Every structure is written in C-alpha cells, then in structure tokens.
Amino acid sequence: MNLKRVLWATAILGLLICGFIAYQIYSAIFSPNTQFNNEEAFVYIPTDATFTDVKASLQPLLKDLSTFEAVAQRKGYIANIKPGKYALKRGMNNNEIINNLRSNNIPVQVTFNNQESLAAMAGRISGQIEADSVSLLQAFNDPGFLNASHFDEDSKLGMYLPNTYEFFWNTSAESFRDRMLKEYERFWNEERLTKAKKLGLTPNQVIALAAIVQKETVKPDERPRVAGVYLNRIKKGMFLQADPTVIYAIKKETGNYDTIIKRVLYRDLEMDSPYNTYKYVGIPPGPITMPDISSIDAVLNPEKHDYLYFVADVSNFGYHMFAKTLEQHNRNKVQYTRWLNEQKVLR
C-alpha cells in the first residue's frame, strides 16, 4: 500500500515537474517579451556583429534577455546573425523576434539633394546607411572605378542624381556607389541620349549645364527658360557669364564649400579657373553641384526663345527678368543692383 502511494506520488511529482518545464519552455518561446510602448521599435545590426552586440542592441527593448538567448541558441540564430535594420512589434515573443531578425531586413529610404562635393555627399549618405563617410569617399574617388566608368576628377560629381532611393541599411560603400552608377546609366536612356546629341552635347556637358541652371533658379517651371538662355549663348559663341560658376571656382580653390557668397565682385571675375565662365567660353569641365532631374530635363527640353540675358526679379523673388539685348538687360539689372545695395549685401 505504501509502495503504491510512493509510486503515485512520484508519478504525480514527475508530471508536475514535466509540466513546469514544459510551461517554462512554452513561456520562453511564446510569451510576449517586449518592453517598449510604441507600436514598433527598430534594431540596427551591423555587419560582422556578434551575438553580444545583438544582445546589447536588444537590451533596452526586451523584458528578459536570458529567455531570448535560450531560444536563439535552440533555433541556431547565434551562429547565423544577419546584419540590417529590423522592426520589432510590441508584444512579440522570442520566436517571432528571432524569425524577424533572420529574414525581415527592412529597406531604408536614402535621400540626397544638390551636394557640391563628394565629401559632402559622403557625409549625407553616412547618416542613412551603415557605411561611414570615410569608406564612402574612398569608394567615390577610387581611381579604378572612375576610369572604368569613364568619369574623371571634374565629371565624377555628375554621376549622382539627387533623388530618393531604396537600400538596405547594411549596404557597403562600394555597393552604394555601384548602384548609383546603374541609376545614372538607367537615366541616360536612348531618348535622353538622342536629345543630348541633337544639342551637340555629351551627357557630362548636359549635367554640367544643368548644374548651372539648378543654381540660377529655384523654380522648376523657369528652368527650361534659363536653359534656353545658356544654349542660345553657346550657339553664338558667347561667354556663359554665370555667377554660380565663379562662386564654385572660389569654393573649389579654397576647399571650403560651406562658404556663403551672395554677391560676386568684379575682382572675382578675374579668377583663373576653368569654372570661371566669365573668363572661359563654353560649359565648365564638370558640374558645380548635383543637379535635380528637373534641371537636367530642362536642358534636354529647353524653351525656344531669343533671350540672351536674365537677372533676378526683386518684385517676384525666385524668378527672373529676361532680355534679348544688352541694353534691355542693363535696364533690368538696375533694379537688382539697387536692391542689393539697399540690403547692404556686400559679399
């Protein structure tokens, strides 16, 4: 009788222990293990991250790291960590978290605008993907890449078309650069190449001229007209006489692209630089900024007119007054010069 009781007690105790263990395992795998209040939180796992690095990233977000580690070990995640950006939903359990970290690398939207140097571009991009600014700049300036892709010191800035692109956060510097080359080649389709050829321009010249248009007007609807002015001057063999190119020449000479110059002085026009369009005829050897696609298409689809000059219209800021003759232009210029003096804009 006593033996039966012992056996029953042992069996019941065994069942209780097994049940407790099963509950612990179930709880570790399937119980919610997040501790943030937002609907989701993001985790960034660097390339070559160790499991210790992963735990450090997850520590503020999880209730119990030990159960996460146990499940990660059981599911083989510790030996198969994948870099990227991952979203954790509030209330996820360890099983869901690990499955997410295995296969749901989230793309990021990478945006850049009209950078005037590749150093500035590298800084802009490094804040959006894993690659740092040093590795990006090295990739941008790699001589082998530039030679193979037919870019040089002057034209290399024009390979990057300002826009928003989708990348994985863990994209390397070289992969980012190579993708930008593909986007550039895709942009220059047969239609655009044909239009450039009809203008007697290469893609690099189109982008260099578009960069000037970009700097001259912030109004996309005015860009085809401004482009038409410069193309008219090119046809007549005139100097482009674009102030933004002189400003760029000064920045390039000093290496300080953060310099703010609001007024070009007569002494600046004497600067000996291929970017000084008051001194050298034709389009500069490369772009003075990364032009928007709207500026590039403005050059490829210019407004047809006889204008040769333009100056800022202080009665309608952002737009310009256009003229067909120098006499008319000088009359238009008076209002702008007077406004600069009234505002005491000396430089």
Protein backbone atom coordinates (compact mmCIF):
# COMPACT_ATOMS: atom_id res chain seq x y z
CA MET A 1 0.00 0.00 0.00
CA ASN A 2 2.75 2.36 0.96
CA LEU A 3 4.64 1.41 -2.19
CA LYS A 4 1.66 2.29 -4.36
CA ARG A 5 1.37 5.66 -2.67
CA VAL A 6 5.07 6.32 -3.26
CA LEU A 7 4.75 5.38 -6.91
CA TRP A 8 1.68 7.57 -7.35
CA ALA A 9 3.36 10.44 -5.57
CA THR A 10 6.46 10.02 -7.71
CA ALA A 11 4.39 9.91 -10.89
CA ILE A 12 2.41 12.99 -9.94
CA LEU A 13 5.58 14.82 -8.96
CA GLY A 14 7.16 13.83 -12.28
CA LEU A 15 4.15 15.10 -14.16
CA LEU A 16 4.25 18.35 -12.23
CA ILE A 17 7.94 18.78 -12.96
CA CYS A 18 7.44 17.97 -16.64
CA GLY A 19 4.51 20.35 -16.77
CA PHE A 20 6.53 23.08 -15.13
CA ILE A 21 9.40 22.54 -17.55
CA ALA A 22 7.02 22.49 -20.49
CA TYR A 23 5.43 25.70 -19.25
CA GLN A 24 8.84 27.34 -18.88
CA ILE A 25 9.80 26.31 -22.39
CA TYR A 26 6.48 27.44 -23.81
CA SER A 27 6.70 30.71 -21.91
CA ALA A 28 10.26 31.34 -23.10
CA ILE A 29 9.28 30.76 -26.70
CA PHE A 30 5.74 32.11 -26.98
CA SER A 31 5.17 34.66 -24.21
CA PRO A 32 5.44 38.36 -25.14
CA ASN A 33 8.95 39.62 -24.42
CA THR A 34 9.00 43.31 -25.38
CA GLN A 35 9.04 46.28 -23.04
CA PHE A 36 8.55 49.32 -25.26
CA ASN A 37 5.31 51.29 -25.50
CA ASN A 38 5.37 52.26 -29.17
CA GLU A 39 3.78 50.01 -31.77
CA GLU A 40 7.23 49.10 -33.06
CA ALA A 41 10.91 49.65 -32.37
CA PHE A 42 13.85 49.38 -34.75
CA VAL A 43 17.06 47.45 -34.27
CA TYR A 44 20.21 48.03 -36.34
CA ILE A 45 22.58 45.07 -36.51
CA PRO A 46 25.98 45.96 -38.01
CA THR A 47 27.93 43.81 -40.43
CA ASP A 48 30.09 41.27 -38.53
CA ALA A 49 28.08 41.81 -35.34
CA THR A 50 28.49 39.20 -32.61
CA PHE A 51 25.63 37.83 -30.52
CA THR A 52 26.90 40.03 -27.70
CA ASP A 53 26.38 43.04 -29.98
CA VAL A 54 22.86 41.86 -30.81
CA LYS A 55 22.01 41.48 -27.11
CA ALA A 56 23.35 44.97 -26.40
CA SER A 57 21.05 46.38 -29.10
CA LEU A 58 18.05 44.44 -27.81
CA GLN A 59 18.58 45.00 -24.08
CA PRO A 60 16.50 48.21 -23.84
CA LEU A 61 13.68 46.58 -25.80
CA LEU A 62 13.25 43.16 -24.18
CA LYS A 63 11.91 42.12 -20.78
CA ASP A 64 14.09 39.05 -20.43
CA LEU A 65 17.35 38.66 -22.35
CA SER A 66 18.06 35.25 -20.87
CA THR A 67 14.97 33.62 -22.40
CA PHE A 68 15.74 35.32 -25.72
CA GLU A 69 19.26 33.90 -25.62
CA ALA A 70 17.98 30.41 -24.81
CA VAL A 71 15.57 30.42 -27.73
CA ALA A 72 18.20 31.96 -30.03
CA GLN A 73 20.55 29.11 -29.13
CA ARG A 74 17.88 26.49 -29.76
CA LYS A 75 16.93 27.98 -33.14
CA GLY A 76 20.55 28.33 -34.31
CA TYR A 77 20.41 32.12 -34.58
CA ILE A 78 23.58 32.75 -32.58
CA ALA A 79 25.69 31.21 -35.34
CA ASN A 80 23.75 32.85 -38.17
CA ILE A 81 23.44 36.57 -37.38
CA LYS A 82 22.41 38.75 -40.31
CA PRO A 83 23.09 42.50 -40.47
CA GLY A 84 20.41 45.03 -41.29
CA LYS A 85 17.54 47.10 -39.96
CA TYR A 86 14.76 45.16 -38.27
CA ALA A 87 11.40 46.14 -36.80
CA LEU A 88 10.12 44.63 -33.56
CA LYS A 89 6.39 44.82 -32.96
CA ARG A 90 5.09 45.43 -29.46
CA GLY A 91 4.09 42.13 -27.83
CA MET A 92 6.32 39.93 -29.98
CA ASN A 93 7.54 36.70 -28.41
CA ASN A 94 11.08 35.35 -28.66
CA ASN A 95 10.20 33.02 -31.51
CA GLU A 96 8.76 35.88 -33.56
CA ILE A 97 11.67 38.17 -32.72
CA ILE A 98 14.25 35.64 -33.89
CA ASN A 99 12.32 34.82 -37.07
CA ASN A 100 12.17 38.55 -37.76
CA LEU A 101 15.89 39.01 -37.22
CA ARG A 102 16.55 36.14 -39.60
CA SER A 103 14.59 37.21 -42.64
CA ASN A 104 12.96 40.63 -42.44
CA ASN A 105 15.73 43.11 -43.22
CA ILE A 106 13.82 46.36 -43.84
CA PRO A 107 14.85 48.64 -46.74
CA VAL A 108 15.56 52.28 -45.89
CA GLN A 109 14.83 55.34 -47.99
CA VAL A 110 18.09 57.11 -48.83
CA THR A 111 17.71 60.72 -49.93
CA PHE A 112 20.25 63.31 -51.03
CA ASN A 113 19.93 66.69 -52.65
CA ASN A 114 22.26 69.05 -54.53
CA GLN A 115 25.65 68.39 -52.96
CA GLU A 116 28.58 70.47 -54.20
CA SER A 117 31.30 67.97 -53.31
CA LEU A 118 31.69 64.24 -52.88
CA ALA A 119 32.86 64.84 -49.31
CA ALA A 120 29.52 66.47 -48.54
CA MET A 121 27.77 63.60 -50.33
CA ALA A 122 29.64 61.04 -48.21
CA GLY A 123 28.58 62.83 -45.05
CA ARG A 124 24.96 62.96 -46.18
CA ILE A 125 24.80 59.26 -47.05
CA SER A 126 26.71 58.01 -43.99
CA GLY A 127 23.86 59.17 -41.79
CA GLN A 128 21.43 56.92 -43.66
CA ILE A 129 23.25 53.62 -44.21
CA GLU A 130 25.86 51.62 -42.31
CA ALA A 131 28.86 52.71 -44.43
CA ASP A 132 30.79 55.60 -42.85
CA SER A 133 31.81 58.79 -44.64
CA VAL A 134 35.47 57.76 -44.96
CA SER A 135 34.72 54.48 -46.74
CA LEU A 136 32.11 56.20 -48.93
CA LEU A 137 34.51 58.94 -50.00
CA GLN A 138 37.20 56.37 -50.77
CA ALA A 139 34.72 54.42 -52.90
CA PHE A 140 33.59 57.58 -54.72
CA ASN A 141 37.17 58.58 -55.53
CA ASP A 142 38.55 55.14 -56.36
CA PRO A 143 40.69 55.67 -59.50
CA GLY A 144 39.96 52.21 -60.88
CA PHE A 145 36.22 52.73 -60.60
CA LEU A 146 36.36 56.22 -62.14
CA ASN A 147 38.47 55.01 -65.04
CA ALA A 148 36.24 52.00 -65.71
CA SER A 149 33.06 54.09 -65.58
CA HIS A 150 34.51 56.92 -67.72
CA PHE A 151 34.44 59.65 -65.09
CA ASP A 152 37.27 61.94 -64.06
CA GLU A 153 38.09 64.45 -61.32
CA ASP A 154 35.78 67.07 -62.80
CA SER A 155 32.87 64.95 -64.00
CA LYS A 156 32.58 62.45 -61.10
CA LEU A 157 30.13 64.64 -59.16
CA GLY A 158 27.61 64.31 -62.00
CA MET A 159 27.20 60.55 -61.57
CA TYR A 160 24.94 61.06 -58.53
CA LEU A 161 21.38 62.08 -59.37
CA PRO A 162 19.55 63.67 -56.40
CA ASN A 163 16.52 61.61 -55.54
CA THR A 164 15.19 59.09 -53.03
CA TYR A 165 16.41 55.53 -53.41
CA GLU A 166 15.69 52.29 -51.58
CA PHE A 167 18.63 50.47 -49.99
CA PHE A 168 19.23 48.01 -47.23
CA TRP A 169 20.75 49.78 -44.23
CA ASN A 170 23.79 47.46 -44.25
CA THR A 171 24.76 48.47 -47.80
CA SER A 172 28.52 48.84 -48.22
CA ALA A 173 30.19 51.95 -49.64
CA GLU A 174 31.10 50.15 -52.86
CA SER A 175 27.60 48.73 -53.27
CA PHE A 176 26.07 52.18 -52.81
CA ARG A 177 28.42 53.70 -55.39
CA ASP A 178 27.82 50.88 -57.89
CA ARG A 179 24.06 51.25 -57.52
CA MET A 180 24.37 54.99 -58.23
CA LEU A 181 26.25 54.20 -61.43
CA LYS A 182 23.44 51.86 -62.50
CA GLU A 183 20.88 54.59 -61.76
CA TYR A 184 22.92 57.03 -63.84
CA GLU A 185 23.12 54.60 -66.75
CA ARG A 186 19.39 53.88 -66.48
CA PHE A 187 18.65 57.61 -66.50
CA TRP A 188 20.58 58.12 -69.72
CA ASN A 189 18.18 56.13 -71.87
CA GLU A 190 18.05 56.29 -75.64
CA GLU A 191 15.59 59.18 -75.64
CA ARG A 192 17.75 61.42 -73.46
CA LEU A 193 20.93 60.48 -75.31
CA THR A 194 19.26 61.40 -78.61
CA LYS A 195 18.17 64.79 -77.24
CA ALA A 196 21.68 65.50 -75.93
CA LYS A 197 23.17 64.60 -79.31
CA LYS A 198 20.78 66.97 -81.10
CA LEU A 199 22.03 69.75 -78.83
CA GLY A 200 25.61 68.80 -79.66
CA LEU A 201 26.29 67.95 -76.00
CA THR A 202 27.60 64.92 -74.15
CA PRO A 203 25.78 63.66 -71.04
CA ASN A 204 28.53 65.23 -68.90
CA GLN A 205 28.04 68.59 -70.61
CA VAL A 206 24.28 68.37 -70.15
CA ILE A 207 24.71 67.71 -66.43
CA ALA A 208 27.33 70.47 -66.09
CA LEU A 209 24.97 72.94 -67.76
CA ALA A 210 22.02 71.65 -65.73
CA ALA A 211 24.02 72.30 -62.55
CA ILE A 212 24.30 75.97 -63.55
CA VAL A 213 20.56 76.10 -64.27
CA GLN A 214 19.96 74.49 -60.86
CA LYS A 215 21.95 77.21 -59.13
CA GLU A 216 20.40 80.04 -61.11
CA THR A 217 16.76 79.33 -60.33
CA VAL A 218 14.91 77.51 -57.59
CA LYS A 219 11.75 77.49 -59.71
CA PRO A 220 11.39 74.27 -61.73
CA ASP A 221 8.93 75.94 -64.11
CA GLU A 222 11.55 78.57 -65.00
CA ARG A 223 14.41 76.16 -65.62
CA PRO A 224 13.63 75.42 -69.31
CA ARG A 225 13.73 79.17 -70.00
CA VAL A 226 17.04 79.65 -68.18
CA ALA A 227 18.45 76.62 -70.00
CA GLY A 228 17.35 78.21 -73.27
CA VAL A 229 19.32 81.35 -72.45
CA TYR A 230 22.55 79.43 -71.93
CA LEU A 231 22.04 77.29 -75.03
CA ASN A 232 21.47 80.47 -77.05
CA ARG A 233 24.73 81.90 -75.74
CA ILE A 234 26.57 78.69 -76.57
CA LYS A 235 25.27 78.80 -80.15
CA LYS A 236 26.55 82.36 -80.52
CA GLY A 237 29.94 81.54 -79.00
CA MET A 238 29.31 83.89 -76.07
CA PHE A 239 30.64 83.52 -72.55
CA LEU A 240 28.04 81.91 -70.29
CA GLN A 241 28.84 84.53 -67.62
CA ALA A 242 27.12 82.55 -64.88
CA ASP A 243 27.81 83.89 -61.38
CA PRO A 244 27.32 80.46 -59.73
CA THR A 245 30.31 79.10 -61.64
CA VAL A 246 32.51 81.86 -60.26
CA ILE A 247 31.28 81.15 -56.74
CA TYR A 248 32.05 77.46 -57.25
CA ALA A 249 35.52 78.30 -58.56
CA ILE A 250 36.21 80.25 -55.35
CA LYS A 251 34.97 77.36 -53.20
CA LYS A 252 36.97 74.81 -55.16
CA GLU A 253 40.11 76.92 -54.88
CA THR A 254 39.77 77.35 -51.11
CA GLY A 255 38.36 73.87 -50.48
CA ASN A 256 35.66 75.43 -48.32
CA TYR A 257 32.32 74.51 -49.87
CA ASP A 258 30.43 75.95 -46.90
CA THR A 259 31.40 79.48 -47.87
CA ILE A 260 28.36 81.71 -48.38
CA ILE A 261 28.77 84.21 -51.21
CA LYS A 262 25.72 86.30 -52.05
CA ARG A 263 27.36 88.79 -54.36
CA VAL A 264 30.03 88.23 -56.99
CA LEU A 265 32.51 91.11 -57.16
CA TYR A 266 34.34 92.37 -60.25
CA ARG A 267 37.64 91.11 -58.88
CA ASP A 268 36.18 87.60 -58.67
CA LEU A 269 35.61 87.63 -62.43
CA GLU A 270 39.36 87.67 -62.99
CA MET A 271 39.92 84.36 -61.22
CA ASP A 272 41.78 81.95 -63.47
CA SER A 273 39.72 78.78 -63.29
CA PRO A 274 38.10 76.62 -65.98
CA TYR A 275 34.92 77.05 -63.93
CA ASN A 276 35.00 80.84 -64.38
CA THR A 277 32.55 81.28 -67.25
CA TYR A 278 33.39 84.98 -67.47
CA LYS A 279 36.93 84.03 -68.48
CA TYR A 280 36.47 80.77 -70.40
CA VAL A 281 34.00 80.15 -73.22
CA GLY A 282 31.77 77.09 -73.13
CA ILE A 283 30.50 74.73 -70.50
CA PRO A 284 32.73 74.07 -67.46
CA PRO A 285 34.55 70.71 -67.34
CA GLY A 286 32.15 69.36 -64.73
CA PRO A 287 29.06 70.18 -62.67
CA ILE A 288 29.19 72.79 -59.89
CA THR A 289 26.55 70.84 -57.96
CA MET A 290 24.45 67.72 -58.35
CA PRO A 291 21.52 68.97 -60.44
CA ASP A 292 17.96 67.78 -59.99
CA ILE A 293 16.48 65.63 -62.71
CA SER A 294 14.16 68.58 -63.48
CA SER A 295 17.21 70.73 -64.28
CA ILE A 296 18.74 68.04 -66.50
CA ASP A 297 15.48 67.60 -68.36
CA ALA A 298 15.20 71.39 -68.67
CA VAL A 299 18.47 71.41 -70.61
CA LEU A 300 17.31 68.50 -72.76
CA ASN A 301 13.94 70.19 -73.35
CA PRO A 302 14.75 73.92 -73.35
CA GLU A 303 12.28 76.67 -74.03
CA LYS A 304 12.71 78.09 -77.53
CA HIS A 305 13.24 81.87 -77.39
CA ASP A 306 15.73 84.64 -78.27
CA TYR A 307 16.69 85.64 -74.75
CA LEU A 308 20.41 86.05 -74.04
CA TYR A 309 20.34 87.65 -70.58
CA PHE A 310 18.49 87.43 -67.29
CA VAL A 311 18.67 88.96 -63.85
CA ALA A 312 16.81 88.36 -60.58
CA ASP A 313 13.38 89.99 -60.40
CA VAL A 314 13.15 91.65 -56.99
CA SER A 315 9.42 92.23 -57.50
CA ASN A 316 8.87 88.48 -57.84
CA PHE A 317 11.53 86.74 -55.79
CA GLY A 318 12.69 83.41 -57.11
CA TYR A 319 12.01 84.39 -60.71
CA HIS A 320 14.00 86.44 -63.22
CA MET A 321 13.63 89.20 -65.80
CA PHE A 322 14.80 88.13 -69.27
CA ALA A 323 16.19 90.26 -72.07
CA LYS A 324 17.15 89.82 -75.73
CA THR A 325 19.59 92.73 -75.84
CA LEU A 326 22.35 94.00 -73.56
CA GLU A 327 20.68 97.40 -73.37
CA GLN A 328 17.44 95.90 -72.11
CA HIS A 329 19.37 93.69 -69.69
CA ASN A 330 21.26 96.66 -68.24
CA ARG A 331 17.96 98.41 -67.61
CA ASN A 332 16.64 95.29 -65.84
CA LYS A 333 19.85 94.99 -63.87
CA VAL A 334 19.44 98.41 -62.27
CA GLN A 335 16.59 97.24 -60.05
CA TYR A 336 18.59 94.26 -58.81
CA THR A 337 21.76 96.26 -58.12
CA ARG A 338 19.74 98.88 -56.25
CA TRP A 339 18.10 96.17 -54.13
CA LEU A 340 21.49 94.61 -53.27
CA ASN A 341 22.77 97.99 -52.15
CA GLU A 342 19.65 98.68 -50.12
CA GLN A 343 20.05 95.32 -48.40
CA LYS A 344 23.76 96.10 -47.86
CA VAL A 345 24.76 92.83 -49.48
CA LEU A 346 28.48 93.37 -49.96
CA ARG A 347 29.59 89.75 -50.44
